């Protein structure tokens, strides 16, 4: 294997392509990407550690000699992978904030609609109570007026019958007078 080959395989992976029909921002896809990036970073760090372990030891020290180009390729591979992880983390945070903001807005909208509905029902109920009270008052007034009219009609009929009786009595008296004169 060439000195940069093992780091090139980390850079060009098909894992970064979205699965057909799946949204890039789906929770499953984000989790898979996060796991892939995490695994890639760990593999690159393992490769770097392996380079150091395979390096030539300098006698009487803890220092090792390693191929500069291979080491720099490993560092470059880490740099290339790291920003993807950071960008992905920022995207996840941004998506989380956006989803929370949308949920808050939806919750506010639902609460507002519920308050409006409650106010409408309360005003509707108050209107109904007012209408019931007013109709009861109208019915009471109508009943009192009906009683008054019936009472007035009875008094009028009684007065009329009394006058009629008085007239009839007067006519009867005149008829008796006329009969007694005829006899």
Foldseek 3Di string as FASTA:
>chain_A
DDLLVVLVPLVDDPLPDDDPPDDCPDPVNLVSVLVSLVVSLVVLVVVLVVQQVPFDDDPPDRHGDGDPVSNVSSVVSNVSSVVVNVVSVVVNVVVVVVVVVVVVVVVVVVVVVVVVVVVVVVVVVVVVVVVVVVVVVVVVVVVVVVVVVVVVVVVVVVVVVVVVVVVVVVVVVVVVVVVVVVD
